Amino acid sequence: MQVTETLNEGLKRGYTITIPASELDAKVTEKLLEAQPEVELKGFRKGKVPLPMLKKTFGARVLGDAMQEAVDGAMKEHFEKTGDRPALQPKVEMDGGETWKEGDDVVVNVSYEALPEIPDVDLSDVKLERLVVKAEDSAVEDALKNLAKTAQTFEDRKKGTKSKEGDQIVIDFEGFIDGEAFEGGKGEDYPLVLGSNTFIPGFEDQLTGAKAGDEVEVKVTFPENYGAKNLAGKEATFKTTVKAVKAPVDTPIDDELAKKFGADDLAALKAQIAERLEAEFKGAARAVLKRNLLDVLDTKVKFDLPPSLVEAEAHQIAHQLYHEEHPEDHDHNHGSIEPSDEHNKLAERRVRLGLLLAELGRKQDIEVTDAEFTQAVLNQARQYPGQEQAFFQFVQQNPQMQQQLRAPIFEDKVVDFIVGGADVTDKDVSKEDLQKAIEALDEI
């Protein structure tokens, strides 16, 4: 095997790998000899088929496997020798292509972008501030009130009473577009809380003031970004019958409410709420701490970035932001979305920090355990109720998906390692201050 360098510019690498025909033929012979004891052909006993006959019968079939193994072996040997780590899957092209014939040397052109050498970074002077929010009594009380609302009941108003915002009306309805009833536009005994904005904009407004027994024609226009494209932007009329008007009944915040939510008593429910709130605050504070750490790391190191990684990340950012700005566009038929300078700048930061964290994790032998990976799969599978088994099989057969699940766990473990050795100061702040800090993350 002969390896000749053809390109060495920045992180770009190019090589020509030549595998002599004799070496390839020897590999084919080796494979045939391995299989010979199990081969049985007409006129020969099992294991006694002569090598020339094996070559004539199976040579062409074995040649492809031998060629692939030879190229893979040459690539492995090359990377072990040079220490290069390709940023993406190397591009491999065979010289001659379809014109190559058995007996010729195999010449392969390989090109890739190597991952850069990551300089050592001094983490000894990293200083961070961790926001700490306690679950104050007022926050617990607000949460209790919200829970009470979810357990809210309604009782019939006096006959002839007009409905108002906050009331629950029970309705039958059927929708029509251009005089034709449409699928999914019909309901019976539907409990609708006025002011909840659960129906199409304008629907609830036209029923406010209605009494039990009223028949109301509600005219609305479906939003342009409505989920059902056949209805989006269309004008519709709903023939609606109000069957009952009910007033909300406040749910007492007491031991009985606590029991509805699985707690022994009100004190226990308050303790659970406080614990949950502080866990939420802690998670939000960690996000702020992590962003601050990444900002610090971003100023500590500079190195060349593989253009292919930056380009791929920039396109991903542009694509993601497009869908955030156009939630009505659920498919990918929007054509190419060219990244802006801002997208490219953000992509460079993400790639640089990603490579740095990966290198720090590699040097510290940080790994994602099987238990951590399994838990991540379980968490993701819960998003597909009834299809969990299919999701598990999909993950098992999809290395890319496995990497997507492992990557955030690995990154968090590296962040925890750095934070563990940093000078971290706790700062007590209000819930509102934490919220402002979280909102600021979205602006970057």
Protein backbone atom coordinates (compact mmCIF):
# COMPACT_ATOMS: atom_id res chain seq x y z
CA MET A 1 0.00 0.00 0.00
CA GLN A 2 1.25 3.46 -0.89
CA VAL A 3 -0.08 6.75 0.53
CA THR A 4 0.71 10.04 -1.22
CA GLU A 5 -0.29 13.43 0.18
CA THR A 6 -2.07 15.63 -2.37
CA LEU A 7 -3.45 18.45 -0.20
CA ASN A 8 -2.45 20.07 3.08
CA GLU A 9 -3.99 23.50 3.49
CA GLY A 10 -5.13 24.58 6.93
CA LEU A 11 -7.33 21.72 8.09
CA LYS A 12 -7.97 20.36 4.60
CA ARG A 13 -6.26 17.09 3.78
CA GLY A 14 -6.05 15.03 0.61
CA TYR A 15 -4.35 11.69 -0.06
CA THR A 16 -4.06 9.11 -2.80
CA ILE A 17 -3.99 5.55 -1.50
CA THR A 18 -2.74 2.88 -3.90
CA ILE A 19 -3.44 -0.77 -3.15
CA PRO A 20 -1.41 -3.05 -5.49
CA ALA A 21 -3.34 -5.68 -7.41
CA SER A 22 -1.13 -8.36 -5.86
CA GLU A 23 -2.11 -7.24 -2.34
CA LEU A 24 -5.79 -7.27 -3.26
CA ASP A 25 -5.47 -10.71 -4.87
CA ALA A 26 -3.77 -12.02 -1.72
CA LYS A 27 -6.69 -10.72 0.39
CA VAL A 28 -9.20 -12.45 -1.93
CA THR A 29 -7.23 -15.70 -1.65
CA GLU A 30 -7.13 -15.35 2.14
CA LYS A 31 -10.91 -14.95 2.30
CA LEU A 32 -11.52 -17.91 0.01
CA LEU A 33 -9.19 -20.12 2.06
CA GLU A 34 -11.10 -19.12 5.21
CA ALA A 35 -14.37 -20.17 3.60
CA GLN A 36 -13.01 -23.30 1.87
CA PRO A 37 -13.74 -25.80 4.69
CA GLU A 38 -17.47 -24.95 4.56
CA VAL A 39 -17.90 -24.79 0.76
CA GLU A 40 -19.59 -27.64 -1.07
CA LEU A 41 -19.91 -27.73 -4.91
CA LYS A 42 -21.29 -30.33 -7.24
CA GLY A 43 -18.58 -32.91 -7.95
CA PHE A 44 -16.56 -32.04 -4.85
CA ARG A 45 -16.85 -33.06 -1.25
CA LYS A 46 -17.43 -30.38 1.38
CA GLY A 47 -14.15 -28.60 2.11
CA LYS A 48 -12.37 -30.15 -0.89
CA VAL A 49 -13.19 -27.58 -3.59
CA PRO A 50 -9.86 -26.52 -5.20
CA LEU A 51 -8.81 -22.88 -4.80
CA PRO A 52 -8.88 -22.19 -8.59
CA MET A 53 -12.49 -23.41 -8.70
CA LEU A 54 -13.37 -21.25 -5.67
CA LYS A 55 -11.84 -18.22 -7.39
CA LYS A 56 -13.75 -18.88 -10.58
CA THR A 57 -17.06 -19.37 -8.75
CA PHE A 58 -16.85 -16.87 -5.89
CA GLY A 59 -13.92 -14.59 -6.76
CA ALA A 60 -15.94 -11.70 -8.14
CA ARG A 61 -18.31 -11.77 -5.15
CA VAL A 62 -15.44 -11.79 -2.63
CA LEU A 63 -13.48 -9.12 -4.52
CA GLY A 64 -15.83 -6.29 -3.49
CA ASP A 65 -15.60 -7.19 0.19
CA ALA A 66 -11.83 -7.53 -0.04
CA MET A 67 -11.54 -4.15 -1.74
CA GLN A 68 -13.66 -2.46 0.95
CA GLU A 69 -11.65 -4.10 3.73
CA ALA A 70 -8.40 -3.05 2.10
CA VAL A 71 -9.52 0.57 1.81
CA ASP A 72 -10.90 0.61 5.37
CA GLY A 73 -7.67 -0.91 6.65
CA ALA A 74 -5.58 1.62 4.75
CA MET A 75 -7.66 4.48 6.16
CA LYS A 76 -7.39 3.13 9.73
CA GLU A 77 -3.63 2.73 9.38
CA HIS A 78 -3.35 6.25 7.96
CA PHE A 79 -5.27 7.87 10.82
CA GLU A 80 -3.30 5.91 13.43
CA LYS A 81 -0.05 7.03 11.82
CA THR A 82 -0.91 10.70 11.32
CA GLY A 83 -3.09 11.19 14.41
CA ASP A 84 -5.65 12.98 12.25
CA ARG A 85 -9.30 12.90 13.34
CA PRO A 86 -11.67 13.80 10.49
CA ALA A 87 -14.31 16.42 11.30
CA LEU A 88 -16.84 14.63 9.10
CA GLN A 89 -16.93 11.34 7.18
CA PRO A 90 -14.02 11.42 4.69
CA LYS A 91 -14.88 11.62 0.99
CA VAL A 92 -13.56 8.52 -0.76
CA GLU A 93 -13.51 8.22 -4.56
CA MET A 94 -12.04 5.40 -6.58
CA ASP A 95 -9.83 6.35 -9.51
CA GLY A 96 -11.13 4.95 -12.75
CA GLY A 97 -14.57 4.22 -11.32
CA GLU A 98 -16.48 1.85 -13.55
CA THR A 99 -13.51 1.48 -15.93
CA TRP A 100 -11.49 -0.34 -13.26
CA LYS A 101 -10.98 -4.03 -14.01
CA GLU A 102 -9.73 -6.97 -12.06
CA GLY A 103 -5.95 -7.16 -12.12
CA ASP A 104 -5.48 -3.36 -11.91
CA ASP A 105 -4.12 -1.59 -8.87
CA VAL A 106 -6.81 0.11 -6.75
CA VAL A 107 -6.23 3.86 -6.51
CA VAL A 108 -8.43 5.76 -4.06
CA ASN A 109 -8.59 9.53 -3.53
CA VAL A 110 -9.40 10.52 0.05
CA SER A 111 -10.23 14.04 1.22
CA TYR A 112 -11.39 15.36 4.57
CA GLU A 113 -11.08 18.18 7.06
CA ALA A 114 -9.07 17.28 10.14
CA LEU A 115 -10.18 18.32 13.59
CA PRO A 116 -7.86 21.06 14.86
CA GLU A 117 -5.38 20.73 17.68
CA ILE A 118 -7.17 22.16 20.72
CA PRO A 119 -4.78 24.21 22.86
CA ASP A 120 -4.68 23.60 26.60
CA VAL A 121 -6.94 25.97 28.47
CA ASP A 122 -6.28 27.32 31.96
CA LEU A 123 -9.42 26.76 34.02
CA SER A 124 -7.89 27.71 37.35
CA ASP A 125 -9.10 31.33 37.18
CA VAL A 126 -12.71 30.63 36.14
CA LYS A 127 -15.08 32.65 38.34
CA LEU A 128 -18.84 32.21 38.15
CA GLU A 129 -21.93 33.48 39.88
CA ARG A 130 -24.78 31.09 40.66
CA LEU A 131 -28.23 32.60 41.13
CA VAL A 132 -30.20 31.14 44.04
CA VAL A 133 -33.96 31.58 44.41
CA LYS A 134 -35.91 30.37 47.41
CA ALA A 135 -39.53 29.29 47.08
CA GLU A 136 -41.14 32.15 48.97
CA ASP A 137 -44.55 31.77 50.62
CA SER A 138 -46.13 34.05 47.99
CA ALA A 139 -44.87 31.80 45.16
CA VAL A 140 -46.25 28.72 46.91
CA GLU A 141 -49.60 30.46 47.42
CA ASP A 142 -49.75 31.43 43.72
CA ALA A 143 -49.06 27.82 42.78
CA LEU A 144 -51.78 26.65 45.15
CA LYS A 145 -54.27 29.05 43.57
CA ASN A 146 -53.39 27.72 40.13
CA LEU A 147 -53.92 24.15 41.35
CA ALA A 148 -57.27 25.15 42.80
CA LYS A 149 -58.28 26.58 39.42
CA THR A 150 -57.53 23.25 37.73
CA ALA A 151 -59.84 21.59 40.26
CA GLN A 152 -62.50 24.25 39.76
CA THR A 153 -66.13 23.16 39.44
CA PHE A 154 -69.17 24.92 37.94
CA GLU A 155 -72.83 25.10 38.98
CA ASP A 156 -75.89 26.09 36.93
CA ARG A 157 -76.78 29.75 36.97
CA LYS A 158 -80.36 30.91 37.48
CA LYS A 159 -82.49 30.31 34.40
CA GLY A 160 -82.34 33.25 32.01
CA THR A 161 -79.01 34.54 33.31
CA LYS A 162 -76.68 35.85 30.63
CA SER A 163 -73.25 34.26 30.42
CA LYS A 164 -70.12 36.29 31.17
CA GLU A 165 -66.38 35.80 30.97
CA GLY A 166 -65.27 33.04 33.34
CA ASP A 167 -68.56 31.18 33.04
CA GLN A 168 -68.75 27.72 31.55
CA ILE A 169 -71.31 27.21 28.79
CA VAL A 170 -72.35 23.81 27.50
CA ILE A 171 -72.92 23.91 23.74
CA ASP A 172 -73.78 21.88 20.67
CA PHE A 173 -72.23 23.26 17.50
CA GLU A 174 -71.70 22.50 13.82
CA GLY A 175 -69.44 24.44 11.46
CA PHE A 176 -70.07 25.29 7.81
CA ILE A 177 -67.88 26.75 5.06
CA ASP A 178 -69.71 28.06 1.99
CA GLY A 179 -72.83 26.33 3.31
CA GLU A 180 -71.15 22.92 3.54
CA ALA A 181 -70.45 21.17 6.83
CA PHE A 182 -66.77 20.30 7.23
CA GLU A 183 -65.06 17.39 8.98
CA GLY A 184 -64.15 18.02 12.62
CA GLY A 185 -66.46 21.01 12.92
CA LYS A 186 -69.15 19.36 15.02
CA GLY A 187 -69.49 18.84 18.77
CA GLU A 188 -72.12 18.00 21.36
CA ASP A 189 -72.34 18.87 25.07
CA TYR A 190 -69.02 20.67 24.80
CA PRO A 191 -68.04 22.54 28.03
CA LEU A 192 -66.45 25.85 27.02
CA VAL A 193 -65.10 28.35 29.54
CA LEU A 194 -65.57 31.85 28.17
CA GLY A 195 -62.30 33.73 28.12
CA SER A 196 -60.17 30.58 27.97
CA ASN A 197 -59.31 31.27 24.29
CA THR A 198 -59.48 27.56 23.50
CA PHE A 199 -61.57 28.12 20.37
CA ILE A 200 -60.90 30.13 17.20
CA PRO A 201 -60.37 33.85 17.89
CA GLY A 202 -63.74 35.61 18.09
CA PHE A 203 -65.77 32.46 18.80
CA GLU A 204 -66.09 32.91 22.56
CA ASP A 205 -66.74 36.67 22.29
CA GLN A 206 -69.91 36.05 20.28
CA LEU A 207 -71.27 33.68 22.92
CA THR A 208 -70.64 36.01 25.85
CA GLY A 209 -74.05 37.25 26.98
CA ALA A 210 -75.91 34.21 25.64
CA LYS A 211 -78.52 32.43 27.81
CA ALA A 212 -79.40 28.75 28.13
CA GLY A 213 -81.63 27.83 25.18
CA ASP A 214 -80.23 30.50 22.83
CA GLU A 215 -79.28 29.57 19.30
CA VAL A 216 -76.38 31.66 18.00
CA GLU A 217 -74.73 31.81 14.59
CA VAL A 218 -71.06 32.39 15.28
CA LYS A 219 -69.09 33.77 12.34
CA VAL A 220 -65.30 33.50 12.46
CA THR A 221 -62.28 33.31 10.18
CA PHE A 222 -59.75 30.54 10.69
CA PRO A 223 -56.20 31.91 11.24
CA GLU A 224 -53.83 31.77 8.27
CA ASN A 225 -51.49 29.54 10.30
CA TYR A 226 -54.27 27.14 11.38
CA GLY A 227 -53.07 23.54 11.71
CA ALA A 228 -55.57 22.11 9.18
CA LYS A 229 -54.46 23.69 5.91
CA ASN A 230 -57.83 23.05 4.24
CA LEU A 231 -59.40 25.41 6.81
CA ALA A 232 -56.62 28.00 7.16
CA GLY A 233 -57.82 31.49 6.27
CA LYS A 234 -61.39 30.33 5.53
CA GLU A 235 -64.55 32.07 6.78
CA ALA A 236 -66.86 29.76 8.69
CA THR A 237 -70.27 29.86 10.36
CA PHE A 238 -71.00 27.76 13.44
CA LYS A 239 -74.62 27.01 14.28
CA THR A 240 -74.49 26.89 18.06
CA THR A 241 -77.03 25.93 20.72
CA VAL A 242 -76.35 27.02 24.31
CA LYS A 243 -77.64 24.22 26.55
CA ALA A 244 -76.47 25.52 29.93
CA VAL A 245 -74.74 28.47 31.57
CA LYS A 246 -72.69 27.66 34.67
CA ALA A 247 -70.90 29.86 37.18
CA PRO A 248 -67.43 28.99 38.53
CA VAL A 249 -67.27 27.74 42.10
CA ASP A 250 -64.09 28.49 43.99
CA THR A 251 -62.31 25.39 45.24
CA PRO A 252 -61.28 25.74 48.90
CA ILE A 253 -57.55 25.53 49.49
CA ASP A 254 -57.60 22.94 52.24
CA ASP A 255 -56.71 19.35 53.11
CA GLU A 256 -59.34 18.03 50.70
CA LEU A 257 -57.67 19.85 47.79
CA ALA A 258 -54.32 18.44 48.88
CA LYS A 259 -55.71 14.90 48.83
CA LYS A 260 -56.94 15.39 45.27
CA PHE A 261 -53.32 15.90 44.28
CA GLY A 262 -51.99 12.93 46.24
CA ALA A 263 -50.76 14.73 49.37
CA ASP A 264 -51.73 13.77 52.93
CA ASP A 265 -52.75 17.29 53.88
CA LEU A 266 -52.31 20.94 52.92
CA ALA A 267 -48.98 21.27 54.72
CA ALA A 268 -47.59 18.31 52.78
CA LEU A 269 -48.87 19.76 49.49
CA LYS A 270 -47.20 23.10 50.25
CA ALA A 271 -43.92 21.29 50.97
CA GLN A 272 -44.18 19.42 47.65
CA ILE A 273 -44.89 22.64 45.77
CA ALA A 274 -41.95 24.41 47.44
CA GLU A 275 -39.65 21.51 46.53
CA ARG A 276 -40.87 21.51 42.91
CA LEU A 277 -40.49 25.29 42.59
CA GLU A 278 -36.96 25.24 43.96
CA ALA A 279 -36.06 22.43 41.54
CA GLU A 280 -37.41 24.57 38.67
CA PHE A 281 -35.49 27.61 39.93
CA LYS A 282 -32.34 25.50 40.26
CA GLY A 283 -32.68 24.24 36.67
CA ALA A 284 -33.18 27.78 35.36
CA ALA A 285 -30.23 29.06 37.38
CA ARG A 286 -28.06 26.28 35.96
CA ALA A 287 -28.92 27.39 32.42
CA VAL A 288 -27.74 30.91 33.29
CA LEU A 289 -24.59 29.57 34.94
CA LYS A 290 -23.82 27.38 31.92
CA ARG A 291 -24.22 30.29 29.49
CA ASN A 292 -21.89 32.43 31.63
CA LEU A 293 -19.34 29.61 31.69
CA LEU A 294 -19.49 29.23 27.91
CA ASP A 295 -18.98 32.98 27.56
CA VAL A 296 -15.84 32.69 29.71
CA LEU A 297 -14.52 29.71 27.73
CA ASP A 298 -15.18 31.48 24.45
CA THR A 299 -12.68 34.18 25.40
CA LYS A 300 -9.98 31.73 26.49
CA VAL A 301 -9.12 29.88 23.29
CA LYS A 302 -8.93 30.49 19.57
CA PHE A 303 -8.15 27.87 16.94
CA ASP A 304 -8.94 27.08 13.32
CA LEU A 305 -12.40 25.60 12.73
CA PRO A 306 -13.31 22.98 10.11
CA PRO A 307 -15.31 24.96 7.49
CA SER A 308 -17.62 22.00 6.84
CA LEU A 309 -18.69 21.86 10.51
CA VAL A 310 -19.32 25.61 10.65
CA GLU A 311 -21.29 25.53 7.40
CA ALA A 312 -23.44 22.60 8.56
CA GLU A 313 -24.12 24.27 11.92
CA ALA A 314 -24.99 27.61 10.28
CA HIS A 315 -27.52 25.94 7.98
CA GLN A 316 -29.02 24.12 10.96
CA ILE A 317 -29.37 27.40 12.89
CA ALA A 318 -30.93 29.16 9.89
CA HIS A 319 -33.37 26.28 9.36
CA GLN A 320 -34.37 26.14 13.03
CA LEU A 321 -34.93 29.91 13.27
CA TYR A 322 -36.97 29.87 10.06
CA HIS A 323 -39.41 27.36 11.56
CA GLU A 324 -39.57 29.30 14.83
CA GLU A 325 -40.55 32.39 12.83
CA HIS A 326 -42.93 30.44 10.56
CA PRO A 327 -44.71 27.95 12.86
CA GLU A 328 -47.38 27.42 10.21
CA ASP A 329 -44.81 25.82 7.87
CA HIS A 330 -44.66 22.21 9.10
CA ASP A 331 -42.84 20.64 6.14
CA HIS A 332 -39.44 21.21 4.56
CA ASN A 333 -40.55 22.36 1.11
CA HIS A 334 -39.46 25.94 1.71
CA GLY A 335 -36.33 25.71 -0.43
CA SER A 336 -32.80 26.53 0.65
CA ILE A 337 -32.38 28.96 3.53
CA GLU A 338 -29.11 30.81 3.29
CA PRO A 339 -27.45 31.55 6.63
CA SER A 340 -26.82 35.19 7.48
CA ASP A 341 -23.59 36.64 8.89
CA GLU A 342 -25.19 36.43 12.32
CA HIS A 343 -25.97 32.72 11.80
CA ASN A 344 -22.38 32.07 10.69
CA LYS A 345 -20.98 33.92 13.71
CA LEU A 346 -23.16 31.92 16.09
CA ALA A 347 -22.20 28.70 14.28
CA GLU A 348 -18.50 29.46 14.76
CA ARG A 349 -19.06 29.97 18.49
CA ARG A 350 -21.04 26.74 18.83
CA VAL A 351 -18.50 24.67 16.88
CA ARG A 352 -15.55 26.15 18.76
CA LEU A 353 -17.14 25.54 22.17
CA GLY A 354 -18.35 22.09 21.14
CA LEU A 355 -14.85 21.03 20.09
CA LEU A 356 -13.35 22.52 23.25
CA LEU A 357 -15.80 20.73 25.56
CA ALA A 358 -15.28 17.49 23.65
CA GLU A 359 -11.50 17.78 24.09
CA LEU A 360 -11.78 18.60 27.78
CA GLY A 361 -14.08 15.61 28.24
CA ARG A 362 -11.73 13.34 26.31
CA LYS A 363 -8.73 14.37 28.40
CA GLN A 364 -10.70 13.75 31.61
CA ASP A 365 -12.04 10.38 30.38
CA ILE A 366 -15.61 11.63 30.80
CA GLU A 367 -18.12 9.21 29.32
CA VAL A 368 -21.87 8.71 29.15
CA THR A 369 -22.73 5.57 31.09
CA ASP A 370 -25.14 2.94 29.81
CA ALA A 371 -27.55 3.82 32.62
CA GLU A 372 -27.49 7.53 31.67
CA PHE A 373 -28.05 6.72 28.01
CA THR A 374 -30.91 4.33 28.81
CA GLN A 375 -32.59 7.00 30.94
CA ALA A 376 -32.28 9.50 28.09
CA VAL A 377 -33.94 7.02 25.71
CA LEU A 378 -36.74 6.42 28.22
CA ASN A 379 -37.32 10.16 28.63
CA GLN A 380 -37.48 10.65 24.87
CA ALA A 381 -39.74 7.61 24.37
CA ARG A 382 -42.37 9.13 26.68
CA GLN A 383 -43.07 11.68 23.95
CA TYR A 384 -44.46 8.86 21.79
CA PRO A 385 -47.14 7.17 23.93
CA GLY A 386 -48.06 3.76 22.58
CA GLN A 387 -45.01 3.70 20.28
CA GLU A 388 -42.26 3.34 22.86
CA GLN A 389 -41.07 -0.03 21.54
CA ALA A 390 -40.83 1.29 18.00
CA PHE A 391 -38.81 4.25 19.27
CA PHE A 392 -36.40 1.94 21.12
CA GLN A 393 -35.83 -0.07 17.92
CA PHE A 394 -35.31 3.14 15.94
CA VAL A 395 -32.62 4.29 18.38
CA GLN A 396 -30.90 0.88 18.32
CA GLN A 397 -30.67 0.99 14.52
CA ASN A 398 -29.72 4.66 14.23
CA PRO A 399 -26.17 5.62 15.37
CA GLN A 400 -26.86 9.27 14.58
CA MET A 401 -29.85 9.30 16.94
CA GLN A 402 -27.76 7.63 19.62
CA GLN A 403 -25.19 10.40 19.27
CA GLN A 404 -27.90 13.07 19.50
CA LEU A 405 -29.06 11.57 22.80
CA ARG A 406 -25.57 11.16 24.21
CA ALA A 407 -24.23 14.61 23.23
CA PRO A 408 -26.18 16.80 25.70
CA ILE A 409 -25.49 14.37 28.57
CA PHE A 410 -21.77 14.41 27.78
CA GLU A 411 -21.74 18.21 27.52
CA ASP A 412 -23.50 18.60 30.87
CA LYS A 413 -21.01 16.26 32.53
CA VAL A 414 -18.09 18.29 31.16
CA VAL A 415 -19.76 21.50 32.35
CA ASP A 416 -20.23 19.95 35.81
CA PHE A 417 -16.53 19.02 35.86
CA ILE A 418 -15.46 22.59 35.04
CA VAL A 419 -17.93 24.17 37.48
CA GLY A 420 -16.73 21.76 40.18
CA GLY A 421 -13.23 23.24 39.95
CA ALA A 422 -14.28 26.86 39.44
CA ASP A 423 -14.66 29.67 41.95
CA VAL A 424 -18.47 29.79 42.22
CA THR A 425 -20.26 32.40 44.31
CA ASP A 426 -23.92 31.96 45.22
CA LYS A 427 -26.12 35.04 44.91
CA ASP A 428 -29.63 35.19 46.35
CA VAL A 429 -32.04 36.80 43.88
CA SER A 430 -35.77 37.11 43.39
CA LYS A 431 -37.85 34.96 41.07
CA GLU A 432 -38.29 38.04 38.85
CA ASP A 433 -34.53 38.59 38.59
CA LEU A 434 -34.03 34.97 37.59
CA GLN A 435 -36.74 35.31 34.96
CA LYS A 436 -34.99 38.38 33.50
CA ALA A 437 -31.71 36.46 33.36
CA ILE A 438 -33.41 33.60 31.51
CA GLU A 439 -35.06 35.99 29.05
CA ALA A 440 -31.67 37.56 28.39
CA LEU A 441 -30.34 34.17 27.23
CA ASP A 442 -32.86 34.16 24.37
CA GLU A 443 -31.64 37.54 23.19
CA ILE A 444 -28.13 36.24 22.49
